[in-house]
């Protein structure tokens, strides 16, 4: 129920972040979770 804005001055890190969450780009490290479940690296 909320909207979150992402602002990164002086670069395009935000686009890479979104693409890595979606699975378009590989992640070198780090995990994220959806509804508490850790998500593996993979395609969209």
ModelCIF file with pLDDT and N, C-alpha, C, O atoms, coordinates in Angstrom:
data_MODEL
#
_entry.id   MODEL 
#
_entity.id                         1 
_entity.type                       polymer 
_entity.pdbx_number_of_molecules   1 
#
_entity_poly.entity_id                      1 
_entity_poly.type                           'polypeptide(L)' 
_entity_poly.nstd_linkage                   no 
_entity_poly.nstd_monomer                   no 
_entity_poly.pdbx_seq_one_letter_code       
;(UNK)(UNK)(UNK)(UNK)(UNK)(UNK)(UNK)(UNK)(UNK)(UNK)(UNK)(UNK)(UNK)(UNK)(UNK)(UNK)
(UNK)(UNK)(UNK)(UNK)(UNK)(UNK)(UNK)(UNK)(UNK)(UNK)(UNK)(UNK)(UNK)(UNK)(UNK)(UNK)
(UNK)(UNK)(UNK)(UNK)(UNK)(UNK)(UNK)(UNK)(UNK)(UNK)(UNK)(UNK)
;
_entity_poly.pdbx_seq_one_letter_code_can   XXXXXXXXXXXXXXXXXXXXXXXXXXXXXXXXXXXXXXXXXXXX 
_entity_poly.pdbx_strand_id                 A 
#
loop_
_entity_poly_seq.entity_id 
_entity_poly_seq.num 
_entity_poly_seq.mon_id 
_entity_poly_seq.hetero 
1 1  UNK n 
1 2  UNK n 
1 3  UNK n 
1 4  UNK n 
1 5  UNK n 
1 6  UNK n 
1 7  UNK n 
1 8  UNK n 
1 9  UNK n 
1 10 UNK n 
1 11 UNK n 
1 12 UNK n 
1 13 UNK n 
1 14 UNK n 
1 15 UNK n 
1 16 UNK n 
1 17 UNK n 
1 18 UNK n 
1 19 UNK n 
1 20 UNK n 
1 21 UNK n 
1 22 UNK n 
1 23 UNK n 
1 24 UNK n 
1 25 UNK n 
1 26 UNK n 
1 27 UNK n 
1 28 UNK n 
1 29 UNK n 
1 30 UNK n 
1 31 UNK n 
1 32 UNK n 
1 33 UNK n 
1 34 UNK n 
1 35 UNK n 
1 36 UNK n 
1 37 UNK n 
1 38 UNK n 
1 39 UNK n 
1 40 UNK n 
1 41 UNK n 
1 42 UNK n 
1 43 UNK n 
1 44 UNK n 
#
_struct_asym.id          A 
_struct_asym.entity_id   1 
#
loop_
_ma_qa_metric.id 
_ma_qa_metric.mode 
_ma_qa_metric.name 
_ma_qa_metric.software_group_id 
_ma_qa_metric.type 
1 global pLDDT . pLDDT 
2 local  pLDDT . pLDDT 
#
_ma_qa_metric_global.metric_id      1 
_ma_qa_metric_global.metric_value   58.55 
_ma_qa_metric_global.model_id       1 
_ma_qa_metric_global.ordinal_id     1 
#
loop_
_ma_qa_metric_local.label_asym_id 
_ma_qa_metric_local.label_comp_id 
_ma_qa_metric_local.label_seq_id 
_ma_qa_metric_local.metric_id 
_ma_qa_metric_local.metric_value 
_ma_qa_metric_local.model_id 
_ma_qa_metric_local.ordinal_id 
A UNK 1  2 70.00 1 1  
A UNK 2  2 75.00 1 2  
A UNK 3  2 72.00 1 3  
A UNK 4  2 69.00 1 4  
A UNK 5  2 67.00 1 5  
A UNK 6  2 62.00 1 6  
A UNK 7  2 57.00 1 7  
A UNK 8  2 55.00 1 8  
A UNK 9  2 52.00 1 9  
A UNK 10 2 47.00 1 10 
A UNK 11 2 49.00 1 11 
A UNK 12 2 50.00 1 12 
A UNK 13 2 50.00 1 13 
A UNK 14 2 51.00 1 14 
A UNK 15 2 60.00 1 15 
A UNK 16 2 57.00 1 16 
A UNK 17 2 60.00 1 17 
A UNK 18 2 61.00 1 18 
A UNK 19 2 62.00 1 19 
A UNK 20 2 60.00 1 20 
A UNK 21 2 60.00 1 21 
A UNK 22 2 59.00 1 22 
A UNK 23 2 59.00 1 23 
A UNK 24 2 54.00 1 24 
A UNK 25 2 55.00 1 25 
A UNK 26 2 58.00 1 26 
A UNK 27 2 53.00 1 27 
A UNK 28 2 52.00 1 28 
A UNK 29 2 55.00 1 29 
A UNK 30 2 56.00 1 30 
A UNK 31 2 61.00 1 31 
A UNK 32 2 61.00 1 32 
A UNK 33 2 66.00 1 33 
A UNK 34 2 66.00 1 34 
A UNK 35 2 62.00 1 35 
A UNK 36 2 61.00 1 36 
A UNK 37 2 58.00 1 37 
A UNK 38 2 63.00 1 38 
A UNK 39 2 58.00 1 39 
A UNK 40 2 59.00 1 40 
A UNK 41 2 53.00 1 41 
A UNK 42 2 55.00 1 42 
A UNK 43 2 55.00 1 43 
A UNK 44 2 51.00 1 44 
#
loop_
_atom_site.group_PDB 
_atom_site.id 
_atom_site.type_symbol 
_atom_site.label_atom_id 
_atom_site.label_alt_id 
_atom_site.label_comp_id 
_atom_site.label_asym_id 
_atom_site.label_entity_id 
_atom_site.label_seq_id 
_atom_site.pdbx_PDB_ins_code 
_atom_site.Cartn_x 
_atom_site.Cartn_y 
_atom_site.Cartn_z 
_atom_site.occupancy 
_atom_site.B_iso_or_equiv 
_atom_site.pdbx_formal_charge 
_atom_site.auth_seq_id 
_atom_site.auth_comp_id 
_atom_site.auth_asym_id 
_atom_site.auth_atom_id 
_atom_site.pdbx_PDB_model_num 
ATOM 1   N N  . UNK A 1 1  ? 0.770  -1.232  0.000   1.00 70.00 ? 1  UNK A N  1 
ATOM 2   C CA . UNK A 1 1  ? 0.000  0.000   0.000   1.00 70.00 ? 1  UNK A CA 1 
ATOM 3   C C  . UNK A 1 1  ? 0.796  1.275   0.000   1.00 70.00 ? 1  UNK A C  1 
ATOM 4   O O  . UNK A 1 1  ? 0.232  2.339   0.252   1.00 70.00 ? 1  UNK A O  1 
ATOM 5   N N  . UNK A 1 2  ? 2.108  1.218   -0.276  1.00 75.00 ? 2  UNK A N  1 
ATOM 6   C CA . UNK A 1 2  ? 2.895  2.435   -0.296  1.00 75.00 ? 2  UNK A CA 1 
ATOM 7   C C  . UNK A 1 2  ? 3.679  2.552   -1.595  1.00 75.00 ? 2  UNK A C  1 
ATOM 8   O O  . UNK A 1 2  ? 3.920  1.565   -2.290  1.00 75.00 ? 2  UNK A O  1 
ATOM 9   N N  . UNK A 1 3  ? 4.066  3.766   -1.899  1.00 72.00 ? 3  UNK A N  1 
ATOM 10  C CA . UNK A 1 3  ? 4.911  4.059   -3.061  1.00 72.00 ? 3  UNK A CA 1 
ATOM 11  C C  . UNK A 1 3  ? 6.266  4.517   -2.560  1.00 72.00 ? 3  UNK A C  1 
ATOM 12  O O  . UNK A 1 3  ? 6.350  5.415   -1.723  1.00 72.00 ? 3  UNK A O  1 
ATOM 13  N N  . UNK A 1 4  ? 7.331  3.902   -3.067  1.00 69.00 ? 4  UNK A N  1 
ATOM 14  C CA . UNK A 1 4  ? 8.684  4.235   -2.644  1.00 69.00 ? 4  UNK A CA 1 
ATOM 15  C C  . UNK A 1 4  ? 9.450  4.796   -3.827  1.00 69.00 ? 4  UNK A C  1 
ATOM 16  O O  . UNK A 1 4  ? 9.504  4.175   -4.888  1.00 69.00 ? 4  UNK A O  1 
ATOM 17  N N  . UNK A 1 5  ? 10.043 5.968   -3.649  1.00 67.00 ? 5  UNK A N  1 
ATOM 18  C CA . UNK A 1 5  ? 10.878 6.555   -4.688  1.00 67.00 ? 5  UNK A CA 1 
ATOM 19  C C  . UNK A 1 5  ? 12.336 6.205   -4.459  1.00 67.00 ? 5  UNK A C  1 
ATOM 20  O O  . UNK A 1 5  ? 12.775 6.062   -3.318  1.00 67.00 ? 5  UNK A O  1 
ATOM 21  N N  . UNK A 1 6  ? 13.090 6.067   -5.550  1.00 62.00 ? 6  UNK A N  1 
ATOM 22  C CA . UNK A 1 6  ? 14.522 5.773   -5.483  1.00 62.00 ? 6  UNK A CA 1 
ATOM 23  C C  . UNK A 1 6  ? 15.263 6.908   -6.153  1.00 62.00 ? 6  UNK A C  1 
ATOM 24  O O  . UNK A 1 6  ? 15.037 7.198   -7.328  1.00 62.00 ? 6  UNK A O  1 
ATOM 25  N N  . UNK A 1 7  ? 16.147 7.551   -5.410  1.00 57.00 ? 7  UNK A N  1 
ATOM 26  C CA . UNK A 1 7  ? 16.921 8.655   -5.964  1.00 57.00 ? 7  UNK A CA 1 
ATOM 27  C C  . UNK A 1 7  ? 18.394 8.415   -5.676  1.00 57.00 ? 7  UNK A C  1 
ATOM 28  O O  . UNK A 1 7  ? 18.792 8.250   -4.523  1.00 57.00 ? 7  UNK A O  1 
ATOM 29  N N  . UNK A 1 8  ? 19.203 8.396   -6.737  1.00 55.00 ? 8  UNK A N  1 
ATOM 30  C CA . UNK A 1 8  ? 20.654 8.250   -6.597  1.00 55.00 ? 8  UNK A CA 1 
ATOM 31  C C  . UNK A 1 8  ? 21.300 9.349   -7.424  1.00 55.00 ? 8  UNK A C  1 
ATOM 32  O O  . UNK A 1 8  ? 21.300 9.259   -8.652  1.00 55.00 ? 8  UNK A O  1 
ATOM 33  N N  . UNK A 1 9  ? 21.858 10.396  -6.792  1.00 52.00 ? 9  UNK A N  1 
ATOM 34  C CA . UNK A 1 9  ? 22.451 11.494  -7.563  1.00 52.00 ? 9  UNK A CA 1 
ATOM 35  C C  . UNK A 1 9  ? 23.718 11.062  -8.281  1.00 52.00 ? 9  UNK A C  1 
ATOM 36  O O  . UNK A 1 9  ? 24.500 10.254  -7.780  1.00 52.00 ? 9  UNK A O  1 
ATOM 37  N N  . UNK A 1 10 ? 23.899 11.628  -9.478  1.00 47.00 ? 10 UNK A N  1 
ATOM 38  C CA . UNK A 1 10 ? 25.168 11.466  -10.194 1.00 47.00 ? 10 UNK A CA 1 
ATOM 39  C C  . UNK A 1 10 ? 25.396 10.104  -10.798 1.00 47.00 ? 10 UNK A C  1 
ATOM 40  O O  . UNK A 1 10 ? 26.549 9.728   -11.012 1.00 47.00 ? 10 UNK A O  1 
ATOM 41  N N  . UNK A 1 11 ? 24.362 9.350   -11.083 1.00 49.00 ? 11 UNK A N  1 
ATOM 42  C CA . UNK A 1 11 ? 24.599 8.054   -11.700 1.00 49.00 ? 11 UNK A CA 1 
ATOM 43  C C  . UNK A 1 11 ? 23.308 7.362   -12.044 1.00 49.00 ? 11 UNK A C  1 
ATOM 44  O O  . UNK A 1 11 ? 22.229 7.918   -11.838 1.00 49.00 ? 11 UNK A O  1 
ATOM 45  N N  . UNK A 1 12 ? 23.401 6.158   -12.565 1.00 50.00 ? 12 UNK A N  1 
ATOM 46  C CA . UNK A 1 12 ? 22.217 5.410   -12.953 1.00 50.00 ? 12 UNK A CA 1 
ATOM 47  C C  . UNK A 1 12 ? 22.141 4.103   -12.186 1.00 50.00 ? 12 UNK A C  1 
ATOM 48  O O  . UNK A 1 12 ? 21.706 3.084   -12.722 1.00 50.00 ? 12 UNK A O  1 
ATOM 49  N N  . UNK A 1 13 ? 22.574 4.134   -10.910 1.00 50.00 ? 13 UNK A N  1 
ATOM 50  C CA . UNK A 1 13 ? 22.557 2.930   -10.091 1.00 50.00 ? 13 UNK A CA 1 
ATOM 51  C C  . UNK A 1 13 ? 21.133 2.440   -9.894  1.00 50.00 ? 13 UNK A C  1 
ATOM 52  O O  . UNK A 1 13 ? 20.884 1.238   -9.811  1.00 50.00 ? 13 UNK A O  1 
ATOM 53  N N  . UNK A 1 14 ? 20.198 3.384   -9.821  1.00 51.00 ? 14 UNK A N  1 
ATOM 54  C CA . UNK A 1 14 ? 18.813 3.016   -9.551  1.00 51.00 ? 14 UNK A CA 1 
ATOM 55  C C  . UNK A 1 14 ? 18.252 2.097   -10.633 1.00 51.00 ? 14 UNK A C  1 
ATOM 56  O O  . UNK A 1 14 ? 17.507 1.163   -10.336 1.00 51.00 ? 14 UNK A O  1 
ATOM 57  N N  . UNK A 1 15 ? 18.617 2.366   -11.898 1.00 60.00 ? 15 UNK A N  1 
ATOM 58  C CA . UNK A 1 15 ? 18.132 1.513   -12.981 1.00 60.00 ? 15 UNK A CA 1 
ATOM 59  C C  . UNK A 1 15 ? 18.707 0.107   -12.847 1.00 60.00 ? 15 UNK A C  1 
ATOM 60  O O  . UNK A 1 15 ? 17.988 -0.877  -13.021 1.00 60.00 ? 15 UNK A O  1 
ATOM 61  N N  . UNK A 1 16 ? 20.000 0.007   -12.538 1.00 57.00 ? 16 UNK A N  1 
ATOM 62  C CA . UNK A 1 16 ? 20.607 -1.306  -12.337 1.00 57.00 ? 16 UNK A CA 1 
ATOM 63  C C  . UNK A 1 16 ? 19.979 -2.046  -11.180 1.00 57.00 ? 16 UNK A C  1 
ATOM 64  O O  . UNK A 1 16 ? 19.820 -3.266  -11.234 1.00 57.00 ? 16 UNK A O  1 
ATOM 65  N N  . UNK A 1 17 ? 19.616 -1.315  -10.120 1.00 60.00 ? 17 UNK A N  1 
ATOM 66  C CA . UNK A 1 17 ? 18.964 -1.945  -8.968  1.00 60.00 ? 17 UNK A CA 1 
ATOM 67  C C  . UNK A 1 17 ? 17.634 -2.566  -9.364  1.00 60.00 ? 17 UNK A C  1 
ATOM 68  O O  . UNK A 1 17 ? 17.352 -3.715  -9.023  1.00 60.00 ? 17 UNK A O  1 
ATOM 69  N N  . UNK A 1 18 ? 16.823 -1.811  -10.079 1.00 61.00 ? 18 UNK A N  1 
ATOM 70  C CA . UNK A 1 18 ? 15.512 -2.317  -10.502 1.00 61.00 ? 18 UNK A CA 1 
ATOM 71  C C  . UNK A 1 18 ? 15.670 -3.511  -11.429 1.00 61.00 ? 18 UNK A C  1 
ATOM 72  O O  . UNK A 1 18 ? 14.941 -4.495  -11.306 1.00 61.00 ? 18 UNK A O  1 
ATOM 73  N N  . UNK A 1 19 ? 16.617 -3.428  -12.356 1.00 62.00 ? 19 UNK A N  1 
ATOM 74  C CA . UNK A 1 19 ? 16.815 -4.526  -13.307 1.00 62.00 ? 19 UNK A CA 1 
ATOM 75  C C  . UNK A 1 19 ? 17.301 -5.787  -12.595 1.00 62.00 ? 19 UNK A C  1 
ATOM 76  O O  . UNK A 1 19 ? 16.933 -6.897  -12.980 1.00 62.00 ? 19 UNK A O  1 
ATOM 77  N N  . UNK A 1 20 ? 18.125 -5.625  -11.559 1.00 60.00 ? 20 UNK A N  1 
ATOM 78  C CA . UNK A 1 20 ? 18.613 -6.802  -10.842 1.00 60.00 ? 20 UNK A CA 1 
ATOM 79  C C  . UNK A 1 20 ? 17.512 -7.432  -10.003 1.00 60.00 ? 20 UNK A C  1 
ATOM 80  O O  . UNK A 1 20 ? 17.449 -8.655  -9.883  1.00 60.00 ? 20 UNK A O  1 
ATOM 81  N N  . UNK A 1 21 ? 16.641 -6.607  -9.417  1.00 60.00 ? 21 UNK A N  1 
ATOM 82  C CA . UNK A 1 21 ? 15.508 -7.146  -8.659  1.00 60.00 ? 21 UNK A CA 1 
ATOM 83  C C  . UNK A 1 21 ? 14.585 -7.924  -9.577  1.00 60.00 ? 21 UNK A C  1 
ATOM 84  O O  . UNK A 1 21 ? 14.095 -8.996  -9.225  1.00 60.00 ? 21 UNK A O  1 
ATOM 85  N N  . UNK A 1 22 ? 14.355 -7.372  -10.755 1.00 59.00 ? 22 UNK A N  1 
ATOM 86  C CA . UNK A 1 22 ? 13.449 -8.020  -11.707 1.00 59.00 ? 22 UNK A CA 1 
ATOM 87  C C  . UNK A 1 22 ? 14.063 -9.280  -12.305 1.00 59.00 ? 22 UNK A C  1 
ATOM 88  O O  . UNK A 1 22 ? 13.348 -10.172 -12.760 1.00 59.00 ? 22 UNK A O  1 
ATOM 89  N N  . UNK A 1 23 ? 15.399 -9.346  -12.301 1.00 59.00 ? 23 UNK A N  1 
ATOM 90  C CA . UNK A 1 23 ? 16.075 -10.508 -12.857 1.00 59.00 ? 23 UNK A CA 1 
ATOM 91  C C  . UNK A 1 23 ? 16.680 -10.297 -14.209 1.00 59.00 ? 23 UNK A C  1 
ATOM 92  O O  . UNK A 1 23 ? 17.238 -11.228 -14.790 1.00 59.00 ? 23 UNK A O  1 
ATOM 93  N N  . UNK A 1 24 ? 16.584 -9.075  -14.736 1.00 54.00 ? 24 UNK A N  1 
ATOM 94  C CA . UNK A 1 24 ? 17.173 -8.800  -16.048 1.00 54.00 ? 24 UNK A CA 1 
ATOM 95  C C  . UNK A 1 24 ? 18.694 -8.840  -16.005 1.00 54.00 ? 24 UNK A C  1 
ATOM 96  O O  . UNK A 1 24 ? 19.337 -9.326  -16.936 1.00 54.00 ? 24 UNK A O  1 
ATOM 97  N N  . UNK A 1 25 ? 19.272 -8.320  -14.909 1.00 55.00 ? 25 UNK A N  1 
ATOM 98  C CA . UNK A 1 25 ? 20.723 -8.261  -14.772 1.00 55.00 ? 25 UNK A CA 1 
ATOM 99  C C  . UNK A 1 25 ? 21.163 -9.149  -13.609 1.00 55.00 ? 25 UNK A C  1 
ATOM 100 O O  . UNK A 1 25 ? 20.469 -9.221  -12.594 1.00 55.00 ? 25 UNK A O  1 
ATOM 101 N N  . UNK A 1 26 ? 22.310 -9.828  -13.741 1.00 58.00 ? 26 UNK A N  1 
ATOM 102 C CA . UNK A 1 26 ? 22.801 -10.667 -12.642 1.00 58.00 ? 26 UNK A CA 1 
ATOM 103 C C  . UNK A 1 26 ? 23.306 -9.816  -11.479 1.00 58.00 ? 26 UNK A C  1 
ATOM 104 O O  . UNK A 1 26 ? 23.758 -8.688  -11.673 1.00 58.00 ? 26 UNK A O  1 
ATOM 105 N N  . UNK A 1 27 ? 23.225 -10.364 -10.285 1.00 53.00 ? 27 UNK A N  1 
ATOM 106 C CA . UNK A 1 27 ? 23.756 -9.700  -9.102  1.00 53.00 ? 27 UNK A CA 1 
ATOM 107 C C  . UNK A 1 27 ? 25.061 -10.373 -8.719  1.00 53.00 ? 27 UNK A C  1 
ATOM 108 O O  . UNK A 1 27 ? 25.163 -11.600 -8.734  1.00 53.00 ? 27 UNK A O  1 
ATOM 109 N N  . UNK A 1 28 ? 26.063 -9.566  -8.373  1.00 52.00 ? 28 UNK A N  1 
ATOM 110 C CA . UNK A 1 28 ? 27.336 -10.128 -7.925  1.00 52.00 ? 28 UNK A CA 1 
ATOM 111 C C  . UNK A 1 28 ? 27.254 -10.638 -6.501  1.00 52.00 ? 28 UNK A C  1 
ATOM 112 O O  . UNK A 1 28 ? 27.906 -11.621 -6.150  1.00 52.00 ? 28 UNK A O  1 
ATOM 113 N N  . UNK A 1 29 ? 26.458 -9.976  -5.682  1.00 55.00 ? 29 UNK A N  1 
ATOM 114 C CA . UNK A 1 29 ? 26.297 -10.393 -4.287  1.00 55.00 ? 29 UNK A CA 1 
ATOM 115 C C  . UNK A 1 29 ? 25.027 -9.767  -3.739  1.00 55.00 ? 29 UNK A C  1 
ATOM 116 O O  . UNK A 1 29 ? 24.435 -8.883  -4.357  1.00 55.00 ? 29 UNK A O  1 
ATOM 117 N N  . UNK A 1 30 ? 24.621 -10.236 -2.581  1.00 56.00 ? 30 UNK A N  1 
ATOM 118 C CA . UNK A 1 30 ? 23.448 -9.682  -1.922  1.00 56.00 ? 30 UNK A CA 1 
ATOM 119 C C  . UNK A 1 30 ? 22.181 -10.428 -2.277  1.00 56.00 ? 30 UNK A C  1 
ATOM 120 O O  . UNK A 1 30 ? 22.015 -10.912 -3.396  1.00 56.00 ? 30 UNK A O  1 
ATOM 121 N N  . UNK A 1 31 ? 21.293 -10.511 -1.307  1.00 61.00 ? 31 UNK A N  1 
ATOM 122 C CA . UNK A 1 31 ? 20.013 -11.193 -1.497  1.00 61.00 ? 31 UNK A CA 1 
ATOM 123 C C  . UNK A 1 31 ? 18.885 -10.233 -1.159  1.00 61.00 ? 31 UNK A C  1 
ATOM 124 O O  . UNK A 1 31 ? 19.078 -9.263  -0.425  1.00 61.00 ? 31 UNK A O  1 
ATOM 125 N N  . UNK A 1 32 ? 17.730 -10.507 -1.690  1.00 61.00 ? 32 UNK A N  1 
ATOM 126 C CA . UNK A 1 32 ? 16.548 -9.765  -1.302  1.00 61.00 ? 32 UNK A CA 1 
ATOM 127 C C  . UNK A 1 32 ? 15.430 -10.761 -1.053  1.00 61.00 ? 32 UNK A C  1 
ATOM 128 O O  . UNK A 1 32 ? 15.502 -11.910 -1.487  1.00 61.00 ? 32 UNK A O  1 
ATOM 129 N N  . UNK A 1 33 ? 14.407 -10.319 -0.358  1.00 66.00 ? 33 UNK A N  1 
ATOM 130 C CA . UNK A 1 33 ? 13.321 -11.232 -0.011  1.00 66.00 ? 33 UNK A CA 1 
ATOM 131 C C  . UNK A 1 33 ? 11.984 -10.614 -0.369  1.00 66.00 ? 33 UNK A C  1 
ATOM 132 O O  . UNK A 1 33 ? 11.818 -9.395  -0.356  1.00 66.00 ? 33 UNK A O  1 
ATOM 133 N N  . UNK A 1 34 ? 11.032 -11.485 -0.690  1.00 66.00 ? 34 UNK A N  1 
ATOM 134 C CA . UNK A 1 34 ? 9.653  -11.090 -0.967  1.00 66.00 ? 34 UNK A CA 1 
ATOM 135 C C  . UNK A 1 34 ? 8.756  -11.835 0.004   1.00 66.00 ? 34 UNK A C  1 
ATOM 136 O O  . UNK A 1 34 ? 8.756  -13.065 0.060   1.00 66.00 ? 34 UNK A O  1 
ATOM 137 N N  . UNK A 1 35 ? 7.987  -11.061 0.771   1.00 62.00 ? 35 UNK A N  1 
ATOM 138 C CA . UNK A 1 35 ? 7.145  -11.630 1.831   1.00 62.00 ? 35 UNK A CA 1 
ATOM 139 C C  . UNK A 1 35 ? 7.956  -12.533 2.760   1.00 62.00 ? 35 UNK A C  1 
ATOM 140 O O  . UNK A 1 35 ? 7.464  -13.553 3.242   1.00 62.00 ? 35 UNK A O  1 
ATOM 141 N N  . UNK A 1 36 ? 9.212  -12.135 3.003   1.00 61.00 ? 36 UNK A N  1 
ATOM 142 C CA . UNK A 1 36 ? 10.048 -12.870 3.938   1.00 61.00 ? 36 UNK A CA 1 
ATOM 143 C C  . UNK A 1 36 ? 10.802 -14.035 3.352   1.00 61.00 ? 36 UNK A C  1 
ATOM 144 O O  . UNK A 1 36 ? 11.608 -14.654 4.047   1.00 61.00 ? 36 UNK A O  1 
ATOM 145 N N  . UNK A 1 37 ? 10.565 -14.353 2.097   1.00 58.00 ? 37 UNK A N  1 
ATOM 146 C CA . UNK A 1 37 ? 11.223 -15.491 1.460   1.00 58.00 ? 37 UNK A CA 1 
ATOM 147 C C  . UNK A 1 37 ? 12.424 -14.990 0.639   1.00 58.00 ? 37 UNK A C  1 
ATOM 148 O O  . UNK A 1 37 ? 12.270 -14.125 -0.224  1.00 58.00 ? 37 UNK A O  1 
ATOM 149 N N  . UNK A 1 38 ? 13.623 -15.541 0.914   1.00 63.00 ? 38 UNK A N  1 
ATOM 150 C CA . UNK A 1 38 ? 14.804 -15.123 0.185   1.00 63.00 ? 38 UNK A CA 1 
ATOM 151 C C  . UNK A 1 38 ? 14.710 -15.588 -1.266  1.00 63.00 ? 38 UNK A C  1 
ATOM 152 O O  . UNK A 1 38 ? 14.383 -16.743 -1.538  1.00 63.00 ? 38 UNK A O  1 
ATOM 153 N N  . UNK A 1 39 ? 15.003 -14.668 -2.201  1.00 58.00 ? 39 UNK A N  1 
ATOM 154 C CA . UNK A 1 39 ? 14.868 -14.955 -3.624  1.00 58.00 ? 39 UNK A CA 1 
ATOM 155 C C  . UNK A 1 39 ? 16.220 -15.320 -4.209  1.00 58.00 ? 39 UNK A C  1 
ATOM 156 O O  . UNK A 1 39 ? 17.229 -14.673 -3.925  1.00 58.00 ? 39 UNK A O  1 
ATOM 157 N N  . UNK A 1 40 ? 16.231 -16.344 -5.013  1.00 59.00 ? 40 UNK A N  1 
ATOM 158 C CA . UNK A 1 40 ? 17.457 -16.767 -5.669  1.00 59.00 ? 40 UNK A CA 1 
ATOM 159 C C  . UNK A 1 40 ? 17.674 -15.925 -6.925  1.00 59.00 ? 40 UNK A C  1 
ATOM 160 O O  . UNK A 1 40 ? 16.748 -15.312 -7.456  1.00 59.00 ? 40 UNK A O  1 
ATOM 161 N N  . UNK A 1 41 ? 18.925 -15.917 -7.381  1.00 53.00 ? 41 UNK A N  1 
ATOM 162 C CA . UNK A 1 41 ? 19.261 -15.237 -8.623  1.00 53.00 ? 41 UNK A CA 1 
ATOM 163 C C  . UNK A 1 41 ? 18.677 -15.985 -9.793  1.00 53.00 ? 41 UNK A C  1 
ATOM 164 O O  . UNK A 1 41 ? 18.805 -17.207 -9.869  1.00 53.00 ? 41 UNK A O  1 
ATOM 165 N N  . UNK A 1 42 ? 18.042 -15.284 -10.706 1.00 55.00 ? 42 UNK A N  1 
ATOM 166 C CA . UNK A 1 42 ? 17.461 -15.975 -11.863 1.00 55.00 ? 42 UNK A CA 1 
ATOM 167 C C  . UNK A 1 42 ? 16.817 -14.981 -12.807 1.00 55.00 ? 42 UNK A C  1 
ATOM 168 O O  . UNK A 1 42 ? 16.764 -13.786 -12.516 1.00 55.00 ? 42 UNK A O  1 
ATOM 169 N N  . UNK A 1 43 ? 16.323 -15.475 -13.948 1.00 55.00 ? 43 UNK A N  1 
ATOM 170 C CA . UNK A 1 43 ? 15.700 -14.603 -14.940 1.00 55.00 ? 43 UNK A CA 1 
ATOM 171 C C  . UNK A 1 43 ? 14.324 -14.138 -14.471 1.00 55.00 ? 43 UNK A C  1 
ATOM 172 O O  . UNK A 1 43 ? 13.804 -14.640 -13.474 1.00 55.00 ? 43 UNK A O  1 
ATOM 173 N N  . UNK A 1 44 ? 13.719 -13.156 -15.204 1.00 51.00 ? 44 UNK A N  1 
ATOM 174 C CA . UNK A 1 44 ? 12.410 -12.648 -14.792 1.00 51.00 ? 44 UNK A CA 1 
ATOM 175 C C  . UNK A 1 44 ? 11.356 -13.725 -14.656 1.00 51.00 ? 44 UNK A C  1 
ATOM 176 O O  . UNK A 1 44 ? 10.211 -13.428 -14.315 1.00 51.00 ? 44 UNK A O  1 
#
